[in-house]
C-alpha atoms as a PDB file:
ATOM      1  CA  UNK A   1       5.435   6.423 -48.947  1.00  0.00           C
ATOM      2  CA  UNK A   2       7.687   3.769 -47.035  1.00  0.00           C
ATOM      3  CA  UNK A   3      11.301   4.051 -46.231  1.00  0.00           C
ATOM      4  CA  UNK A   4      14.325   2.131 -47.326  1.00  0.00           C
ATOM      5  CA  UNK A   5      15.888   0.325 -44.190  1.00  0.00           C
ATOM      6  CA  UNK A   6      19.475  -0.521 -44.427  1.00  0.00           C
ATOM      7  CA  UNK A   7      20.886  -3.201 -42.015  1.00  0.00           C
ATOM      8  CA  UNK A   8      24.542  -3.425 -41.572  1.00  0.00           C
ATOM      9  CA  UNK A   9      26.373  -5.195 -38.749  1.00  0.00           C
ATOM     10  CA  UNK A  10      23.344  -5.099 -36.601  1.00  0.00           C
ATOM     11  CA  UNK A  11      22.364  -1.440 -37.060  1.00  0.00           C
ATOM     12  CA  UNK A  12      19.490  -0.157 -38.925  1.00  0.00           C
ATOM     13  CA  UNK A  13      19.473   3.112 -40.849  1.00  0.00           C
ATOM     14  CA  UNK A  14      16.912   4.687 -42.828  1.00  0.00           C
ATOM     15  CA  UNK A  15      16.287   6.444 -46.095  1.00  0.00           C
ATOM     16  CA  UNK A  16      13.368   8.722 -45.599  1.00  0.00           C
ATOM     17  CA  UNK A  17      10.591   8.259 -48.265  1.00  0.00           C
ATOM     18  CA  UNK A  18       8.676  10.886 -50.088  1.00  0.00           C
ATOM     19  CA  UNK A  19       5.378  11.425 -48.718  1.00  0.00           C
ATOM     20  CA  UNK A  20       3.669  11.010 -52.314  1.00  0.00           C
ATOM     21  CA  UNK A  21       2.038   7.331 -53.074  1.00  0.00           C
ATOM     22  CA  UNK A  22       3.400   5.824 -56.313  1.00  0.00           C
ATOM     23  CA  UNK A  23       0.199   5.659 -57.982  1.00  0.00           C
ATOM     24  CA  UNK A  24      -0.332   9.259 -57.439  1.00  0.00           C
ATOM     25  CA  UNK A  25      -1.789  11.236 -60.538  1.00  0.00           C
ATOM     26  CA  UNK A  26      -0.709  14.682 -61.184  1.00  0.00           C
ATOM     27  CA  UNK A  27      -4.555  15.593 -61.930  1.00  0.00           C
ATOM     28  CA  UNK A  28      -5.357  14.415 -58.120  1.00  0.00           C
ATOM     29  CA  UNK A  29      -2.897  16.598 -56.493  1.00  0.00           C
ATOM     30  CA  UNK A  30      -2.688  20.485 -55.835  1.00  0.00           C
ATOM     31  CA  UNK A  31       1.183  20.230 -55.735  1.00  0.00           C
ATOM     32  CA  UNK A  32       3.429  19.034 -58.286  1.00  0.00           C
ATOM     33  CA  UNK A  33       4.766  15.260 -58.052  1.00  0.00           C
ATOM     34  CA  UNK A  34       8.432  15.441 -57.040  1.00  0.00           C
ATOM     35  CA  UNK A  35      10.191  12.649 -56.149  1.00  0.00           C
ATOM     36  CA  UNK A  36      13.380  12.473 -54.779  1.00  0.00           C
ATOM     37  CA  UNK A  37      16.507  10.497 -55.993  1.00  0.00           C
ATOM     38  CA  UNK A  38      18.456   8.770 -53.818  1.00  0.00           C
ATOM     39  CA  UNK A  39      21.935   7.276 -54.752  1.00  0.00           C
ATOM     40  CA  UNK A  40      23.417   4.791 -52.497  1.00  0.00           C
ATOM     41  CA  UNK A  41      26.739   2.786 -52.297  1.00  0.00           C
ATOM     42  CA  UNK A  42      25.931  -0.569 -51.438  1.00  0.00           C
ATOM     43  CA  UNK A  43      28.082  -1.810 -48.677  1.00  0.00           C
ATOM     44  CA  UNK A  44      29.538  -5.380 -48.567  1.00  0.00           C
ATOM     45  CA  UNK A  45      27.487  -7.323 -46.331  1.00  0.00           C
ATOM     46  CA  UNK A  46      24.512  -4.825 -45.733  1.00  0.00           C
ATOM     47  CA  UNK A  47      20.724  -5.727 -46.262  1.00  0.00           C
ATOM     48  CA  UNK A  48      18.266  -3.293 -47.785  1.00  0.00           C
ATOM     49  CA  UNK A  49      14.477  -3.747 -47.300  1.00  0.00           C
ATOM     50  CA  UNK A  50      11.528  -1.953 -48.938  1.00  0.00           C
ATOM     51  CA  UNK A  51       8.136  -3.186 -47.771  1.00  0.00           C
ATOM     52  CA  UNK A  52       4.262  -2.229 -47.620  1.00  0.00           C
ATOM     53  CA  UNK A  53       2.601  -1.237 -44.322  1.00  0.00           C
ATOM     54  CA  UNK A  54       0.892  -4.456 -44.052  1.00  0.00           C
ATOM     55  CA  UNK A  55       3.421  -6.340 -41.984  1.00  0.00           C
ATOM     56  CA  UNK A  56       3.585  -4.040 -39.174  1.00  0.00           C
ATOM     57  CA  UNK A  57      -0.276  -3.161 -39.500  1.00  0.00           C
ATOM     58  CA  UNK A  58      -1.372  -6.959 -38.795  1.00  0.00           C
ATOM     59  CA  UNK A  59      -3.270  -7.538 -35.614  1.00  0.00           C
ATOM     60  CA  UNK A  60      -2.767 -10.427 -33.322  1.00  0.00           C
ATOM     61  CA  UNK A  61      -0.448 -11.325 -30.446  1.00  0.00           C
ATOM     62  CA  UNK A  62      -1.832 -12.115 -27.081  1.00  0.00           C
ATOM     63  CA  UNK A  63      -3.583  -8.525 -26.823  1.00  0.00           C
ATOM     64  CA  UNK A  64      -4.701  -8.476 -30.452  1.00  0.00           C
ATOM     65  CA  UNK A  65      -2.828  -5.162 -31.267  1.00  0.00           C
ATOM     66  CA  UNK A  66      -1.061  -4.326 -34.215  1.00  0.00           C
ATOM     67  CA  UNK A  67       2.658  -6.145 -34.903  1.00  0.00           C
ATOM     68  CA  UNK A  68       3.937  -2.286 -34.901  1.00  0.00           C
ATOM     69  CA  UNK A  69       7.019  -0.880 -37.057  1.00  0.00           C
ATOM     70  CA  UNK A  70       9.379  -1.247 -34.032  1.00  0.00           C
ATOM     71  CA  UNK A  71       8.740  -4.888 -33.713  1.00  0.00           C
ATOM     72  CA  UNK A  72       9.203  -5.277 -37.504  1.00  0.00           C
ATOM     73  CA  UNK A  73      12.419  -3.479 -37.387  1.00  0.00           C
ATOM     74  CA  UNK A  74      13.637  -5.611 -34.394  1.00  0.00           C
ATOM     75  CA  UNK A  75      12.678  -8.799 -36.448  1.00  0.00           C
ATOM     76  CA  UNK A  76      14.590  -7.733 -39.615  1.00  0.00           C
ATOM     77  CA  UNK A  77      17.493  -6.950 -37.412  1.00  0.00           C
ATOM     78  CA  UNK A  78      17.446 -10.350 -35.629  1.00  0.00           C
ATOM     79  CA  UNK A  79      17.167 -12.250 -38.753  1.00  0.00           C
ATOM     80  CA  UNK A  80      19.530 -10.051 -40.821  1.00  0.00           C
ATOM     81  CA  UNK A  81      22.468 -12.520 -40.427  1.00  0.00           C
ATOM     82  CA  UNK A  82      20.533 -15.418 -41.909  1.00  0.00           C
ATOM     83  CA  UNK A  83      20.768 -16.134 -45.747  1.00  0.00           C
ATOM     84  CA  UNK A  84      17.536 -14.795 -47.533  1.00  0.00           C
ATOM     85  CA  UNK A  85      15.820 -18.147 -47.772  1.00  0.00           C
ATOM     86  CA  UNK A  86      16.228 -18.598 -44.050  1.00  0.00           C
ATOM     87  CA  UNK A  87      15.125 -14.987 -43.235  1.00  0.00           C
ATOM     88  CA  UNK A  88      12.113 -15.273 -45.594  1.00  0.00           C
ATOM     89  CA  UNK A  89      10.881 -18.475 -43.567  1.00  0.00           C
ATOM     90  CA  UNK A  90      11.502 -16.440 -40.294  1.00  0.00           C
ATOM     91  CA  UNK A  91       9.699 -13.596 -41.452  1.00  0.00           C
ATOM     92  CA  UNK A  92       6.831 -15.781 -42.905  1.00  0.00           C
ATOM     93  CA  UNK A  93       6.601 -17.771 -39.620  1.00  0.00           C
ATOM     94  CA  UNK A  94       6.663 -14.818 -37.240  1.00  0.00           C
ATOM     95  CA  UNK A  95       3.766 -13.455 -39.149  1.00  0.00           C
ATOM     96  CA  UNK A  96       1.429 -16.605 -38.883  1.00  0.00           C
ATOM     97  CA  UNK A  97       2.357 -16.811 -35.204  1.00  0.00           C
ATOM     98  CA  UNK A  98       1.461 -13.201 -34.666  1.00  0.00           C
ATOM     99  CA  UNK A  99      -1.674 -13.136 -36.645  1.00  0.00           C
ATOM    100  CA  UNK A 100      -3.010 -16.408 -35.084  1.00  0.00           C
ATOM    101  CA  UNK A 101      -6.653 -16.835 -36.275  1.00  0.00           C
ATOM    102  CA  UNK A 102      -7.049 -13.038 -37.332  1.00  0.00           C
ATOM    103  CA  UNK A 103      -7.533 -12.594 -40.982  1.00  0.00           C
ATOM    104  CA  UNK A 104      -4.764 -10.998 -42.985  1.00  0.00           C
ATOM    105  CA  UNK A 105      -5.786  -7.149 -42.823  1.00  0.00           C
ATOM    106  CA  UNK A 106      -3.697  -5.757 -45.600  1.00  0.00           C
ATOM    107  CA  UNK A 107      -1.129  -6.544 -48.381  1.00  0.00           C
ATOM    108  CA  UNK A 108       2.173  -7.661 -46.992  1.00  0.00           C
ATOM    109  CA  UNK A 109       5.095  -7.216 -49.242  1.00  0.00           C
ATOM    110  CA  UNK A 110       8.981  -7.372 -48.212  1.00  0.00           C
ATOM    111  CA  UNK A 111      11.731  -7.229 -50.497  1.00  0.00           C
ATOM    112  CA  UNK A 112      15.055  -7.818 -49.161  1.00  0.00           C
ATOM    113  CA  UNK A 113      18.209  -7.521 -51.281  1.00  0.00           C
ATOM    114  CA  UNK A 114      21.899  -7.298 -50.682  1.00  0.00           C
ATOM    115  CA  UNK A 115      25.490  -7.822 -51.783  1.00  0.00           C
END
């Protein structure tokens, strides 16, 4: 149910997700499961990100608030020009700094790939 974010030349675009969890079983739904297929032309230099909601949902900061999707977008845009190892380190360090003494509240998965 999470989008695909594409960052290219400092701009973020989004491929909307289907509002059907991946693990959904047909017997658990009134409506049929119908995922959409998106075909993308990978642009040279672009970065593509898929992720769980765990990063944005983490509590922390000065006011013990959620990190937020907007802040997560900004972080990915700001670090997209780094090589993937450096970007991973920056994202991990930001999470630890934000979380502070709070427990991690959810699973966190961020997958980035590019050309």
